[in-house]
Amino acid sequence: MNTQLIEIKSENSKLLFDKPGTYVVFFSNISGKISCKITSEKVELYMIGLYDIKNTDKYTIQTEQIHESPHSFSDLYILSLIKDISSFTFSGLIRIEKNAQHTHAYQKNQNVLLSKGGFVDSRPILEILADDVFCTHGSTTGPLSKDQLYYLQTKGLTKLAAEKASIDGLKSLVYNRLEKLKVKSRKLKAKKTHD
């Protein structure tokens, strides 16, 4: 089965996954709400976001992974790089309905503050009504690793080059996920929306 890519470019999107398959929802530097409802077994959903924020830009994103069917899977990963006096606000909900037994759902928000003036507010939320599921969620916020920057500098990189290499390495986490999922270059639109 082919992986289907859905690239979100608008403010609010409601996506319904009612057929088995592997889906990737990709978004970058948008504000709004992305709600994904899984109503079929054997749905494998990956939500991947990349935010490269600078100047006075402000982005607020709210995500929902709603599992209504058993034997489904979802995985959300958002990386935000915060520069200057920009800000990023994230609220992510995983909701597992009572009938959605044997569901696996993951959520990770990784925020990197690249300046002292940047701001992040990250709130991962779990609502689990089923009793036989596997769910994790988490959020990290902080600067680039001083140890990693020091190590790169001991290998001959300037401070600026070490910072750029670290940032490129973080971005590659997103690109590698997409490559691993064998995302097609064509962009597919969601067929249906949900209420």
N, C-alpha and C. Protein backbone atom coordinates (compact mmCIF):
# COMPACT_ATOMS: atom_id res chain seq x y z
N MET A 1 0.85 -1.18 0.00
CA MET A 1 0.00 0.00 0.00
C MET A 1 0.89 1.24 0.00
N ASN A 2 0.58 2.21 -0.84
CA ASN A 2 1.35 3.44 -0.94
C ASN A 2 1.04 4.39 0.20
N THR A 3 2.04 5.14 0.59
CA THR A 3 1.85 6.20 1.57
C THR A 3 1.25 7.41 0.86
N GLN A 4 0.22 7.97 1.45
CA GLN A 4 -0.43 9.14 0.87
C GLN A 4 -0.03 10.38 1.67
N LEU A 5 0.42 11.41 0.96
CA LEU A 5 0.82 12.67 1.59
C LEU A 5 -0.31 13.67 1.49
N ILE A 6 -0.62 14.29 2.60
CA ILE A 6 -1.58 15.39 2.65
C ILE A 6 -0.83 16.59 3.21
N GLU A 7 -0.59 17.58 2.38
CA GLU A 7 0.13 18.77 2.84
C GLU A 7 -0.89 19.84 3.19
N ILE A 8 -0.83 20.30 4.44
CA ILE A 8 -1.76 21.30 4.94
C ILE A 8 -1.15 22.68 4.74
N LYS A 9 -1.90 23.54 4.06
CA LYS A 9 -1.42 24.90 3.83
C LYS A 9 -2.40 25.94 4.33
N SER A 10 -3.61 25.52 4.69
CA SER A 10 -4.62 26.48 5.14
C SER A 10 -4.71 26.47 6.65
N GLU A 11 -5.46 27.42 7.18
CA GLU A 11 -5.53 27.61 8.64
C GLU A 11 -6.19 26.46 9.39
N ASN A 12 -7.30 25.95 8.91
CA ASN A 12 -8.02 24.91 9.65
C ASN A 12 -8.35 23.75 8.72
N SER A 13 -8.06 22.55 9.20
CA SER A 13 -8.31 21.35 8.40
C SER A 13 -8.90 20.27 9.29
N LYS A 14 -9.97 19.65 8.78
CA LYS A 14 -10.58 18.50 9.43
C LYS A 14 -10.46 17.33 8.47
N LEU A 15 -9.71 16.32 8.87
CA LEU A 15 -9.44 15.19 8.01
C LEU A 15 -10.05 13.93 8.59
N LEU A 16 -10.67 13.13 7.73
CA LEU A 16 -11.29 11.87 8.13
C LEU A 16 -10.53 10.73 7.46
N PHE A 17 -10.11 9.76 8.26
CA PHE A 17 -9.41 8.59 7.76
C PHE A 17 -10.31 7.38 7.98
N ASP A 18 -11.06 7.03 6.92
CA ASP A 18 -12.06 5.98 7.03
C ASP A 18 -11.74 4.75 6.19
N LYS A 19 -10.50 4.67 5.70
CA LYS A 19 -10.05 3.51 4.93
C LYS A 19 -8.66 3.12 5.42
N PRO A 20 -8.38 1.81 5.52
CA PRO A 20 -7.04 1.38 5.92
C PRO A 20 -5.98 1.97 5.00
N GLY A 21 -4.82 2.24 5.55
CA GLY A 21 -3.72 2.77 4.75
C GLY A 21 -2.75 3.55 5.59
N THR A 22 -1.69 3.99 4.94
CA THR A 22 -0.66 4.81 5.59
C THR A 22 -0.78 6.22 5.04
N TYR A 23 -0.88 7.17 5.95
CA TYR A 23 -1.08 8.57 5.59
C TYR A 23 -0.06 9.43 6.30
N VAL A 24 0.41 10.47 5.61
CA VAL A 24 1.30 11.45 6.21
C VAL A 24 0.66 12.82 6.03
N VAL A 25 0.45 13.51 7.15
CA VAL A 25 -0.05 14.89 7.12
C VAL A 25 1.14 15.78 7.47
N PHE A 26 1.53 16.63 6.51
CA PHE A 26 2.68 17.50 6.71
C PHE A 26 2.23 18.96 6.73
N PHE A 27 2.81 19.74 7.66
CA PHE A 27 2.48 21.16 7.74
C PHE A 27 3.72 21.91 8.22
N SER A 28 3.78 23.19 7.81
CA SER A 28 4.95 24.00 8.15
C SER A 28 4.54 25.46 8.21
N ASN A 29 4.92 26.12 9.30
CA ASN A 29 4.69 27.56 9.49
C ASN A 29 3.26 27.98 9.14
N ILE A 30 2.29 27.30 9.74
CA ILE A 30 0.89 27.73 9.63
C ILE A 30 0.31 27.80 11.03
N SER A 31 -0.70 28.63 11.18
CA SER A 31 -1.48 28.67 12.42
C SER A 31 -2.84 28.06 12.13
N GLY A 32 -3.51 27.58 13.17
CA GLY A 32 -4.85 27.03 13.01
C GLY A 32 -5.00 25.71 13.72
N LYS A 33 -5.99 24.95 13.27
CA LYS A 33 -6.31 23.67 13.90
C LYS A 33 -6.30 22.57 12.84
N ILE A 34 -5.62 21.48 13.16
CA ILE A 34 -5.60 20.31 12.29
C ILE A 34 -6.20 19.17 13.10
N SER A 35 -7.37 18.72 12.68
CA SER A 35 -8.07 17.66 13.39
C SER A 35 -8.13 16.42 12.51
N CYS A 36 -7.59 15.32 13.02
CA CYS A 36 -7.57 14.05 12.28
C CYS A 36 -8.39 13.03 13.04
N LYS A 37 -9.43 12.53 12.39
CA LYS A 37 -10.31 11.53 13.01
C LYS A 37 -10.12 10.20 12.29
N ILE A 38 -9.82 9.17 13.06
CA ILE A 38 -9.60 7.83 12.51
C ILE A 38 -10.82 6.98 12.83
N THR A 39 -11.52 6.54 11.78
CA THR A 39 -12.74 5.75 11.96
C THR A 39 -12.63 4.36 11.33
N SER A 40 -11.42 3.96 10.95
CA SER A 40 -11.21 2.66 10.33
C SER A 40 -10.06 1.94 11.03
N GLU A 41 -10.15 0.63 11.09
CA GLU A 41 -9.02 -0.15 11.56
C GLU A 41 -7.90 -0.09 10.53
N LYS A 42 -6.70 -0.40 10.99
CA LYS A 42 -5.51 -0.48 10.13
C LYS A 42 -5.17 0.85 9.44
N VAL A 43 -5.48 1.95 10.11
CA VAL A 43 -5.01 3.25 9.65
C VAL A 43 -3.69 3.54 10.36
N GLU A 44 -2.69 3.95 9.59
CA GLU A 44 -1.40 4.34 10.12
C GLU A 44 -1.21 5.80 9.73
N LEU A 45 -1.29 6.70 10.72
CA LEU A 45 -1.28 8.14 10.46
C LEU A 45 -0.05 8.78 11.09
N TYR A 46 0.68 9.53 10.28
CA TYR A 46 1.83 10.29 10.75
C TYR A 46 1.55 11.77 10.50
N MET A 47 1.63 12.57 11.55
CA MET A 47 1.48 14.01 11.44
C MET A 47 2.85 14.62 11.73
N ILE A 48 3.38 15.36 10.76
CA ILE A 48 4.73 15.89 10.88
C ILE A 48 4.71 17.40 10.61
N GLY A 49 5.21 18.16 11.57
CA GLY A 49 5.24 19.61 11.43
C GLY A 49 6.64 20.17 11.62
N LEU A 50 6.97 21.19 10.82
CA LEU A 50 8.25 21.86 10.93
C LEU A 50 7.99 23.37 10.96
N TYR A 51 8.46 24.00 12.03
CA TYR A 51 8.32 25.46 12.19
C TYR A 51 9.70 26.06 12.31
N ASP A 52 10.03 26.93 11.36
CA ASP A 52 11.29 27.67 11.37
C ASP A 52 10.88 29.14 11.48
N ILE A 53 10.88 29.65 12.72
CA ILE A 53 10.22 30.92 13.03
C ILE A 53 11.27 31.98 13.37
N LYS A 54 11.09 33.19 12.82
CA LYS A 54 12.06 34.26 13.07
C LYS A 54 11.37 35.61 13.15
N ASN A 55 12.17 36.63 13.39
CA ASN A 55 11.70 38.02 13.52
C ASN A 55 10.62 38.11 14.60
N THR A 56 9.46 38.64 14.27
CA THR A 56 8.36 38.75 15.24
C THR A 56 7.21 37.80 14.89
N ASP A 57 7.49 36.79 14.07
CA ASP A 57 6.45 35.84 13.66
C ASP A 57 5.86 35.14 14.88
N LYS A 58 4.55 34.87 14.79
CA LYS A 58 3.83 34.15 15.85
C LYS A 58 2.96 33.10 15.21
N TYR A 59 3.12 31.86 15.66
CA TYR A 59 2.30 30.76 15.16
C TYR A 59 1.65 30.04 16.33
N THR A 60 0.37 29.71 16.13
CA THR A 60 -0.37 28.92 17.10
C THR A 60 -0.98 27.75 16.36
N ILE A 61 -0.65 26.54 16.79
CA ILE A 61 -1.19 25.34 16.14
C ILE A 61 -1.85 24.45 17.18
N GLN A 62 -3.03 23.95 16.82
CA GLN A 62 -3.75 23.01 17.66
C GLN A 62 -3.96 21.75 16.83
N THR A 63 -3.59 20.60 17.39
CA THR A 63 -3.78 19.34 16.67
C THR A 63 -4.67 18.41 17.46
N GLU A 64 -5.36 17.54 16.73
CA GLU A 64 -6.19 16.50 17.34
C GLU A 64 -5.93 15.18 16.62
N GLN A 65 -5.69 14.15 17.41
CA GLN A 65 -5.61 12.79 16.91
C GLN A 65 -6.76 12.05 17.60
N ILE A 66 -7.85 11.85 16.89
CA ILE A 66 -9.05 11.26 17.48
C ILE A 66 -9.20 9.84 16.94
N HIS A 67 -9.10 8.88 17.84
CA HIS A 67 -9.22 7.47 17.45
C HIS A 67 -10.60 6.97 17.86
N GLU A 68 -11.40 6.58 16.86
CA GLU A 68 -12.73 6.02 17.12
C GLU A 68 -12.79 4.54 16.81
N SER A 69 -11.78 4.02 16.15
CA SER A 69 -11.77 2.63 15.72
C SER A 69 -10.59 1.89 16.36
N PRO A 70 -10.76 0.60 16.67
CA PRO A 70 -9.64 -0.15 17.25
C PRO A 70 -8.56 -0.44 16.21
N HIS A 71 -7.42 -0.91 16.70
CA HIS A 71 -6.31 -1.35 15.85
C HIS A 71 -5.87 -0.25 14.89
N SER A 72 -5.69 0.96 15.42
CA SER A 72 -5.21 2.07 14.60
C SER A 72 -3.96 2.66 15.24
N PHE A 73 -3.29 3.52 14.48
CA PHE A 73 -2.00 4.06 14.91
C PHE A 73 -1.90 5.52 14.48
N SER A 74 -1.38 6.37 15.37
CA SER A 74 -1.06 7.74 14.98
C SER A 74 0.21 8.19 15.69
N ASP A 75 0.97 9.04 15.00
CA ASP A 75 2.23 9.53 15.52
C ASP A 75 2.40 10.98 15.07
N LEU A 76 2.44 11.89 16.04
CA LEU A 76 2.63 13.31 15.77
C LEU A 76 4.04 13.72 16.19
N TYR A 77 4.75 14.43 15.30
CA TYR A 77 6.06 14.99 15.64
C TYR A 77 6.11 16.41 15.09
N ILE A 78 6.34 17.38 15.97
CA ILE A 78 6.49 18.77 15.55
C ILE A 78 7.82 19.29 16.09
N LEU A 79 8.62 19.85 15.18
CA LEU A 79 9.86 20.51 15.54
C LEU A 79 9.69 22.00 15.29
N SER A 80 9.98 22.81 16.31
CA SER A 80 9.96 24.26 16.10
C SER A 80 11.33 24.84 16.46
N LEU A 81 11.80 25.73 15.59
CA LEU A 81 13.06 26.45 15.78
C LEU A 81 12.68 27.91 15.94
N ILE A 82 12.94 28.47 17.13
CA ILE A 82 12.46 29.80 17.49
C ILE A 82 13.63 30.78 17.53
N LYS A 83 13.60 31.77 16.63
CA LYS A 83 14.66 32.78 16.56
C LYS A 83 14.10 34.15 16.94
N ASP A 84 14.99 35.07 17.21
CA ASP A 84 14.65 36.48 17.45
C ASP A 84 13.62 36.60 18.58
N ILE A 85 12.54 37.35 18.34
CA ILE A 85 11.48 37.49 19.35
C ILE A 85 10.18 36.86 18.85
N SER A 86 10.34 35.75 18.13
CA SER A 86 9.17 35.04 17.61
C SER A 86 8.57 34.15 18.70
N SER A 87 7.37 33.63 18.41
CA SER A 87 6.72 32.76 19.40
C SER A 87 5.97 31.62 18.73
N PHE A 88 5.86 30.53 19.49
CA PHE A 88 5.18 29.32 19.02
C PHE A 88 4.32 28.78 20.15
N THR A 89 3.05 28.54 19.84
CA THR A 89 2.13 27.96 20.81
C THR A 89 1.56 26.69 20.22
N PHE A 90 1.65 25.60 21.00
CA PHE A 90 1.17 24.29 20.55
C PHE A 90 0.23 23.71 21.59
N SER A 91 -0.89 23.19 21.12
CA SER A 91 -1.81 22.41 21.95
C SER A 91 -2.18 21.18 21.15
N GLY A 92 -1.85 20.01 21.68
CA GLY A 92 -2.10 18.77 20.94
C GLY A 92 -2.89 17.79 21.77
N LEU A 93 -3.96 17.28 21.20
CA LEU A 93 -4.84 16.33 21.88
C LEU A 93 -4.78 14.97 21.21
N ILE A 94 -4.55 13.93 22.01
CA ILE A 94 -4.80 12.56 21.59
C ILE A 94 -6.04 12.12 22.35
N ARG A 95 -7.09 11.72 21.61
CA ARG A 95 -8.31 11.24 22.25
C ARG A 95 -8.58 9.82 21.74
N ILE A 96 -8.65 8.88 22.69
CA ILE A 96 -8.93 7.49 22.36
C ILE A 96 -10.32 7.16 22.89
N GLU A 97 -11.26 6.94 21.98
CA GLU A 97 -12.64 6.62 22.37
C GLU A 97 -12.71 5.21 22.97
N LYS A 98 -13.78 4.94 23.68
CA LYS A 98 -13.94 3.68 24.41
C LYS A 98 -13.81 2.45 23.50
N ASN A 99 -14.32 2.54 22.28
CA ASN A 99 -14.28 1.40 21.37
C ASN A 99 -12.96 1.25 20.63
N ALA A 100 -12.04 2.16 20.82
CA ALA A 100 -10.78 2.15 20.07
C ALA A 100 -9.69 1.37 20.80
N GLN A 101 -10.00 0.15 21.18
CA GLN A 101 -9.04 -0.71 21.87
C GLN A 101 -7.87 -1.04 20.94
N HIS A 102 -6.73 -1.36 21.53
CA HIS A 102 -5.52 -1.76 20.79
C HIS A 102 -5.00 -0.65 19.89
N THR A 103 -5.22 0.58 20.29
CA THR A 103 -4.72 1.74 19.57
C THR A 103 -3.33 2.09 20.09
N HIS A 104 -2.49 2.56 19.19
CA HIS A 104 -1.17 3.09 19.55
C HIS A 104 -1.15 4.54 19.08
N ALA A 105 -0.85 5.46 20.00
CA ALA A 105 -0.82 6.88 19.64
C ALA A 105 0.35 7.56 20.34
N TYR A 106 1.05 8.39 19.58
CA TYR A 106 2.25 9.07 20.07
C TYR A 106 2.17 10.55 19.71
N GLN A 107 2.82 11.36 20.54
CA GLN A 107 2.83 12.80 20.31
C GLN A 107 4.12 13.36 20.90
N LYS A 108 4.89 14.07 20.07
CA LYS A 108 6.12 14.71 20.56
C LYS A 108 6.25 16.09 19.94
N ASN A 109 6.48 17.08 20.79
CA ASN A 109 6.74 18.45 20.35
C ASN A 109 8.12 18.84 20.86
N GLN A 110 9.03 19.12 19.92
CA GLN A 110 10.40 19.49 20.27
C GLN A 110 10.62 20.94 19.85
N ASN A 111 10.94 21.79 20.83
CA ASN A 111 11.11 23.22 20.59
C ASN A 111 12.54 23.63 20.93
N VAL A 112 13.18 24.36 20.01
CA VAL A 112 14.55 24.80 20.22
C VAL A 112 14.57 26.33 20.20
N LEU A 113 14.97 26.90 21.31
CA LEU A 113 15.07 28.36 21.43
C LEU A 113 16.45 28.80 20.95
N LEU A 114 16.46 29.55 19.86
CA LEU A 114 17.72 29.99 19.27
C LEU A 114 18.07 31.43 19.63
N SER A 115 17.26 32.01 20.51
CA SER A 115 17.53 33.37 21.01
C SER A 115 16.90 33.51 22.39
N LYS A 116 17.32 34.53 23.11
CA LYS A 116 16.76 34.75 24.45
C LYS A 116 15.38 35.36 24.40
N GLY A 117 14.99 35.97 23.28
CA GLY A 117 13.71 36.64 23.17
C GLY A 117 12.58 35.77 22.67
N GLY A 118 12.88 34.53 22.29
CA GLY A 118 11.85 33.63 21.78
C GLY A 118 10.93 33.12 22.88
N PHE A 119 9.71 32.71 22.48
CA PHE A 119 8.72 32.22 23.46
C PHE A 119 8.05 30.96 22.93
N VAL A 120 7.86 29.98 23.83
CA VAL A 120 7.16 28.74 23.49
C VAL A 120 6.17 28.41 24.59
N ASP A 121 4.97 27.99 24.17
CA ASP A 121 3.96 27.44 25.09
C ASP A 121 3.50 26.12 24.47
N SER A 122 3.79 25.01 25.13
CA SER A 122 3.50 23.69 24.57
C SER A 122 2.66 22.89 25.55
N ARG A 123 1.51 22.36 25.07
CA ARG A 123 0.59 21.64 25.93
C ARG A 123 0.08 20.36 25.27
N PRO A 124 0.79 19.26 25.48
CA PRO A 124 0.29 17.97 24.99
C PRO A 124 -0.78 17.43 25.95
N ILE A 125 -1.87 16.87 25.39
CA ILE A 125 -3.01 16.43 26.21
C ILE A 125 -3.42 15.01 25.79
N LEU A 126 -3.70 14.16 26.77
CA LEU A 126 -4.23 12.83 26.51
C LEU A 126 -5.63 12.72 27.11
N GLU A 127 -6.56 12.15 26.35
CA GLU A 127 -7.89 11.77 26.84
C GLU A 127 -8.11 10.33 26.42
N ILE A 128 -7.99 9.41 27.36
CA ILE A 128 -8.06 7.99 27.04
C ILE A 128 -9.28 7.38 27.71
N LEU A 129 -10.23 6.93 26.90
CA LEU A 129 -11.45 6.31 27.40
C LEU A 129 -11.42 4.80 27.26
N ALA A 130 -10.47 4.26 26.51
CA ALA A 130 -10.31 2.81 26.35
C ALA A 130 -9.28 2.32 27.37
N ASP A 131 -9.27 1.02 27.63
CA ASP A 131 -8.38 0.51 28.67
C ASP A 131 -7.27 -0.40 28.14
N ASP A 132 -7.21 -0.65 26.85
CA ASP A 132 -6.17 -1.51 26.29
C ASP A 132 -5.51 -0.78 25.12
N VAL A 133 -4.72 0.25 25.46
CA VAL A 133 -4.09 1.10 24.45
C VAL A 133 -2.65 1.39 24.87
N PHE A 134 -1.87 1.93 23.93
CA PHE A 134 -0.52 2.38 24.24
C PHE A 134 -0.39 3.81 23.73
N CYS A 135 -0.19 4.75 24.65
CA CYS A 135 -0.10 6.16 24.28
C CYS A 135 1.03 6.82 25.04
N THR A 136 1.74 7.71 24.34
CA THR A 136 2.75 8.54 25.00
C THR A 136 2.65 9.95 24.44
N HIS A 137 3.05 10.90 25.26
CA HIS A 137 3.12 12.27 24.79
C HIS A 137 4.22 13.00 25.54
N GLY A 138 4.77 14.02 24.90
CA GLY A 138 5.83 14.75 25.56
C GLY A 138 6.18 16.01 24.81
N SER A 139 6.89 16.88 25.53
CA SER A 139 7.32 18.15 24.96
C SER A 139 8.66 18.53 25.59
N THR A 140 9.56 19.02 24.76
CA THR A 140 10.83 19.54 25.26
C THR A 140 11.04 20.94 24.69
N THR A 141 11.61 21.79 25.51
CA THR A 141 11.93 23.16 25.09
C THR A 141 13.27 23.55 25.69
N GLY A 142 14.16 24.08 24.86
CA GLY A 142 15.45 24.52 25.38
C GLY A 142 16.33 24.99 24.25
N PRO A 143 17.52 25.47 24.61
CA PRO A 143 18.47 25.95 23.59
C PRO A 143 19.19 24.77 22.94
N LEU A 144 20.03 25.08 21.95
CA LEU A 144 20.90 24.06 21.39
C LEU A 144 21.82 23.54 22.49
N SER A 145 22.21 22.29 22.39
CA SER A 145 23.08 21.68 23.38
C SER A 145 24.46 22.34 23.38
N LYS A 146 24.85 22.89 24.52
CA LYS A 146 26.18 23.50 24.64
C LYS A 146 27.28 22.46 24.44
N ASP A 147 27.05 21.25 24.95
CA ASP A 147 28.05 20.18 24.78
C ASP A 147 28.23 19.83 23.31
N GLN A 148 27.12 19.76 22.58
CA GLN A 148 27.20 19.43 21.16
C GLN A 148 27.91 20.55 20.39
N LEU A 149 27.59 21.79 20.72
CA LEU A 149 28.25 22.92 20.06
C LEU A 149 29.75 22.92 20.36
N TYR A 150 30.11 22.65 21.61
CA TYR A 150 31.52 22.60 21.99
C TYR A 150 32.24 21.49 21.22
N TYR A 151 31.61 20.32 21.16
CA TYR A 151 32.21 19.19 20.44
C TYR A 151 32.47 19.56 18.98
N LEU A 152 31.48 20.16 18.32
CA LEU A 152 31.65 20.55 16.92
C LEU A 152 32.77 21.59 16.75
N GLN A 153 32.89 22.48 17.73
CA GLN A 153 33.96 23.49 17.67
C GLN A 153 35.34 22.84 17.86
N THR A 154 35.40 21.77 18.68
CA THR A 154 36.69 21.08 18.84
C THR A 154 37.09 20.36 17.56
N LYS A 155 36.15 20.15 16.66
CA LYS A 155 36.43 19.51 15.36
C LYS A 155 36.74 20.54 14.28
N GLY A 156 36.87 21.82 14.69
CA GLY A 156 37.32 22.85 13.76
C GLY A 156 36.23 23.77 13.23
N LEU A 157 35.00 23.57 13.64
CA LEU A 157 33.93 24.46 13.18
C LEU A 157 33.93 25.74 14.01
N THR A 158 33.59 26.84 13.37
CA THR A 158 33.38 28.07 14.12
C THR A 158 32.08 27.93 14.92
N LYS A 159 31.87 28.85 15.85
CA LYS A 159 30.64 28.80 16.64
C LYS A 159 29.41 28.89 15.73
N LEU A 160 29.45 29.81 14.77
CA LEU A 160 28.34 29.99 13.84
C LEU A 160 28.11 28.73 12.99
N ALA A 161 29.19 28.12 12.51
CA ALA A 161 29.08 26.90 11.71
C ALA A 161 28.55 25.74 12.56
N ALA A 162 28.97 25.66 13.82
CA ALA A 162 28.48 24.61 14.72
C ALA A 162 26.99 24.76 14.98
N GLU A 163 26.54 26.00 15.17
CA GLU A 163 25.10 26.25 15.36
C GLU A 163 24.32 25.85 14.12
N LYS A 164 24.83 26.23 12.94
CA LYS A 164 24.15 25.88 11.69
C LYS A 164 24.09 24.37 11.50
N ALA A 165 25.18 23.68 11.79
CA ALA A 165 25.21 22.21 11.66
C ALA A 165 24.21 21.56 12.61
N SER A 166 24.11 22.08 13.83
CA SER A 166 23.14 21.54 14.80
C SER A 166 21.71 21.76 14.33
N ILE A 167 21.43 22.95 13.81
CA ILE A 167 20.08 23.25 13.32
C ILE A 167 19.75 22.37 12.11
N ASP A 168 20.71 22.23 11.19
CA ASP A 168 20.49 21.36 10.03
C ASP A 168 20.25 19.92 10.46
N GLY A 169 20.97 19.49 11.50
CA GLY A 169 20.76 18.13 12.02
C GLY A 169 19.36 17.94 12.59
N LEU A 170 18.86 18.95 13.28
CA LEU A 170 17.50 18.87 13.81
C LEU A 170 16.47 18.82 12.68
N LYS A 171 16.65 19.67 11.67
CA LYS A 171 15.73 19.66 10.53
C LYS A 171 15.76 18.31 9.81
N SER A 172 16.94 17.68 9.78
CA SER A 172 17.05 16.39 9.11
C SER A 172 16.21 15.32 9.80
N LEU A 173 15.92 15.51 11.10
CA LEU A 173 15.02 14.57 11.78
C LEU A 173 13.66 14.54 11.09
N VAL A 174 13.19 15.70 10.68
CA VAL A 174 11.90 15.79 9.97
C VAL A 174 12.02 15.18 8.58
N TYR A 175 13.05 15.59 7.84
CA TYR A 175 13.21 15.09 6.47
C TYR A 175 13.45 13.58 6.44
N ASN A 176 14.19 13.06 7.42
CA ASN A 176 14.44 11.62 7.48
C ASN A 176 13.15 10.85 7.76
N ARG A 177 12.29 11.41 8.61
CA ARG A 177 10.99 10.76 8.86
C ARG A 177 10.19 10.65 7.57
N LEU A 178 10.16 11.75 6.82
CA LEU A 178 9.42 11.75 5.55
C LEU A 178 10.03 10.75 4.58
N GLU A 179 11.34 10.73 4.50
CA GLU A 179 12.01 9.79 3.58
C GLU A 179 11.75 8.34 4.00
N LYS A 180 11.82 8.08 5.28
CA LYS A 180 11.58 6.72 5.78
C LYS A 180 10.16 6.25 5.45
N LEU A 181 9.23 7.18 5.46
CA LEU A 181 7.84 6.84 5.14
C LEU A 181 7.58 6.76 3.63
N LYS A 182 8.64 7.00 2.85
CA LYS A 182 8.54 6.94 1.39
C LYS A 182 7.43 7.82 0.85
N VAL A 183 7.42 9.05 1.34
CA VAL A 183 6.41 10.01 0.93
C VAL A 183 6.59 10.34 -0.54
N LYS A 184 5.50 10.28 -1.27
CA LYS A 184 5.52 10.66 -2.68
C LYS A 184 5.60 12.17 -2.79
N SER A 185 6.17 12.64 -3.87
CA SER A 185 6.32 14.08 -4.02
C SER A 185 5.01 14.77 -4.36
N ARG A 186 4.08 14.06 -4.95
CA ARG A 186 2.80 14.69 -5.29
C ARG A 186 1.99 14.91 -4.02
N LYS A 187 1.20 15.92 -4.02
CA LYS A 187 0.42 16.28 -2.84
C LYS A 187 -1.02 15.85 -3.05
N LEU A 188 -1.56 15.12 -2.10
CA LEU A 188 -2.94 14.67 -2.19
C LEU A 188 -3.80 15.45 -1.23
N LYS A 189 -4.99 15.78 -1.62
CA LYS A 189 -5.91 16.48 -0.74
C LYS A 189 -6.80 15.46 -0.05
N ALA A 190 -7.23 15.79 1.13
CA ALA A 190 -8.13 14.91 1.87
C ALA A 190 -9.45 14.82 1.11
N LYS A 191 -10.01 13.62 1.07
CA LYS A 191 -11.25 13.40 0.34
C LYS A 191 -12.45 13.90 1.12
N LYS A 192 -12.39 13.73 2.45
CA LYS A 192 -13.55 14.05 3.27
C LYS A 192 -13.12 14.87 4.46
N THR A 193 -14.08 15.52 5.03
CA THR A 193 -13.85 16.21 6.31
C THR A 193 -14.77 15.60 7.33
N HIS A 194 -14.49 15.87 8.59
CA HIS A 194 -15.38 15.39 9.65
C HIS A 194 -15.89 16.57 10.44
N ASP A 195 -16.94 16.36 11.20
CA ASP A 195 -17.52 17.43 12.03
C ASP A 195 -16.83 17.53 13.36
